[in-house]
């Protein structure tokens, strides 16, 4: 059974940091290509960051220079380090794998 389990969300003041984790299990090539999406209240889901099998990463313009995506293949886990958070970053954050499996999401609230 494929599982993507996000953790690390929470409430933080503007300017603060959080690190999200996404632990993958139940399929091969678990960290070949992974991404983070988010959906804020009343907004459409949007891509935030992605990392390929070669370790190359891409970011939405709105988070460039503040967010960093990384992965630990040994732990089958992908991370999203979020710095300099602002209220516009408040959203439910989801991880997704290359096979379009999604996690349940983790809430990030910036006040």
Protein backbone atom coordinates (compact mmCIF):
# COMPACT_ATOMS: atom_id res chain seq x y z
CA UNK A 1 0.00 0.00 0.00
CA UNK A 2 1.42 3.33 -1.06
CA UNK A 3 1.68 5.85 1.71
CA UNK A 4 2.96 9.40 1.80
CA UNK A 5 2.85 10.84 5.29
CA UNK A 6 3.56 14.51 5.84
CA UNK A 7 4.57 15.99 9.17
CA UNK A 8 6.12 19.13 10.58
CA UNK A 9 3.34 21.61 10.03
CA UNK A 10 2.18 24.00 12.70
CA UNK A 11 1.72 27.61 13.64
CA UNK A 12 4.54 30.11 13.41
CA UNK A 13 4.96 33.84 13.45
CA UNK A 14 5.90 35.75 10.33
CA UNK A 15 9.61 35.50 9.71
CA UNK A 16 9.82 32.09 11.30
CA UNK A 17 10.77 28.71 9.89
CA UNK A 18 9.33 25.23 9.63
CA UNK A 19 10.59 22.00 8.13
CA UNK A 20 8.09 19.66 6.58
CA UNK A 21 8.80 15.98 6.07
CA UNK A 22 7.17 13.46 3.77
CA UNK A 23 7.86 9.80 4.47
CA UNK A 24 7.13 7.49 1.55
CA UNK A 25 6.46 3.79 1.62
CA UNK A 26 4.83 1.00 -0.33
CA UNK A 27 6.37 1.40 -3.77
CA UNK A 28 9.71 1.22 -5.54
CA UNK A 29 11.64 4.27 -6.61
CA UNK A 30 10.21 6.07 -3.66
CA UNK A 31 12.11 9.29 -3.97
CA UNK A 32 12.77 9.39 -7.68
CA UNK A 33 10.75 12.51 -8.17
CA UNK A 34 8.82 14.22 -5.46
CA UNK A 35 7.04 17.49 -5.07
CA UNK A 36 5.28 19.73 -2.63
CA UNK A 37 2.01 21.48 -3.33
CA UNK A 38 -0.06 23.75 -1.16
CA UNK A 39 -3.62 24.97 -0.98
CA UNK A 40 -4.50 28.07 0.95
CA UNK A 41 -8.01 29.00 2.07
CA UNK A 42 -10.10 29.92 -0.95
CA UNK A 43 -7.20 29.30 -3.30
CA UNK A 44 -6.39 26.69 -5.90
CA UNK A 45 -3.75 24.09 -5.20
CA UNK A 46 -0.38 25.27 -6.44
CA UNK A 47 3.01 23.71 -6.92
CA UNK A 48 5.66 24.84 -4.47
CA UNK A 49 8.79 22.81 -5.15
CA UNK A 50 9.94 19.62 -6.79
CA UNK A 51 13.07 17.51 -6.77
CA UNK A 52 14.10 15.04 -9.43
CA UNK A 53 15.95 11.77 -9.29
CA UNK A 54 19.15 13.65 -10.06
CA UNK A 55 18.63 15.95 -7.11
CA UNK A 56 17.82 18.97 -9.20
CA UNK A 57 15.10 21.14 -7.74
CA UNK A 58 12.63 23.70 -9.00
CA UNK A 59 10.60 26.25 -7.09
CA UNK A 60 7.62 28.47 -7.50
CA UNK A 61 8.64 32.09 -7.87
CA UNK A 62 6.83 32.95 -4.66
CA UNK A 63 9.11 30.74 -2.56
CA UNK A 64 12.45 30.99 -4.35
CA UNK A 65 15.22 31.91 -1.96
CA UNK A 66 13.09 31.02 1.08
CA UNK A 67 12.20 27.34 0.66
CA UNK A 68 14.52 24.43 0.05
CA UNK A 69 13.47 20.95 -1.01
CA UNK A 70 15.72 18.01 -0.27
CA UNK A 71 15.52 14.27 0.03
CA UNK A 72 17.11 11.46 1.97
CA UNK A 73 16.94 8.36 -0.19
CA UNK A 74 18.05 6.12 2.66
CA UNK A 75 15.08 7.25 4.72
CA UNK A 76 12.65 7.50 1.77
CA UNK A 77 11.86 10.97 2.98
CA UNK A 78 11.56 14.33 1.29
CA UNK A 79 11.83 17.60 3.17
CA UNK A 80 10.74 21.15 2.65
CA UNK A 81 12.67 23.70 4.68
CA UNK A 82 10.66 26.89 4.82
CA UNK A 83 12.29 30.10 6.03
CA UNK A 84 11.14 33.69 6.22
CA UNK A 85 7.54 32.58 6.32
CA UNK A 86 4.80 35.10 5.76
CA UNK A 87 1.01 34.88 6.14
CA UNK A 88 0.62 34.21 2.41
CA UNK A 89 2.40 30.89 2.98
CA UNK A 90 -0.45 29.68 5.19
CA UNK A 91 -1.90 26.60 3.55
CA UNK A 92 -2.25 22.87 3.71
CA UNK A 93 0.94 21.42 2.28
CA UNK A 94 0.87 18.14 0.39
CA UNK A 95 3.60 15.95 -0.97
CA UNK A 96 3.13 13.98 -4.18
CA UNK A 97 5.24 11.38 -5.89
CA UNK A 98 5.96 10.67 -9.53
CA UNK A 99 3.01 8.26 -9.67
CA UNK A 100 0.52 10.91 -8.53
CA UNK A 101 0.08 9.54 -5.05
CA UNK A 102 -0.69 12.25 -2.52
CA UNK A 103 -0.26 12.56 1.19
CA UNK A 104 -3.00 13.70 3.52
CA UNK A 105 -1.53 17.15 3.98
CA UNK A 106 -0.13 19.13 6.89
CA UNK A 107 -1.38 22.54 7.96
CA UNK A 108 0.95 25.51 8.06
CA UNK A 109 -0.35 28.70 9.63
CA UNK A 110 1.71 31.89 9.64
CA UNK A 111 0.48 34.84 11.67
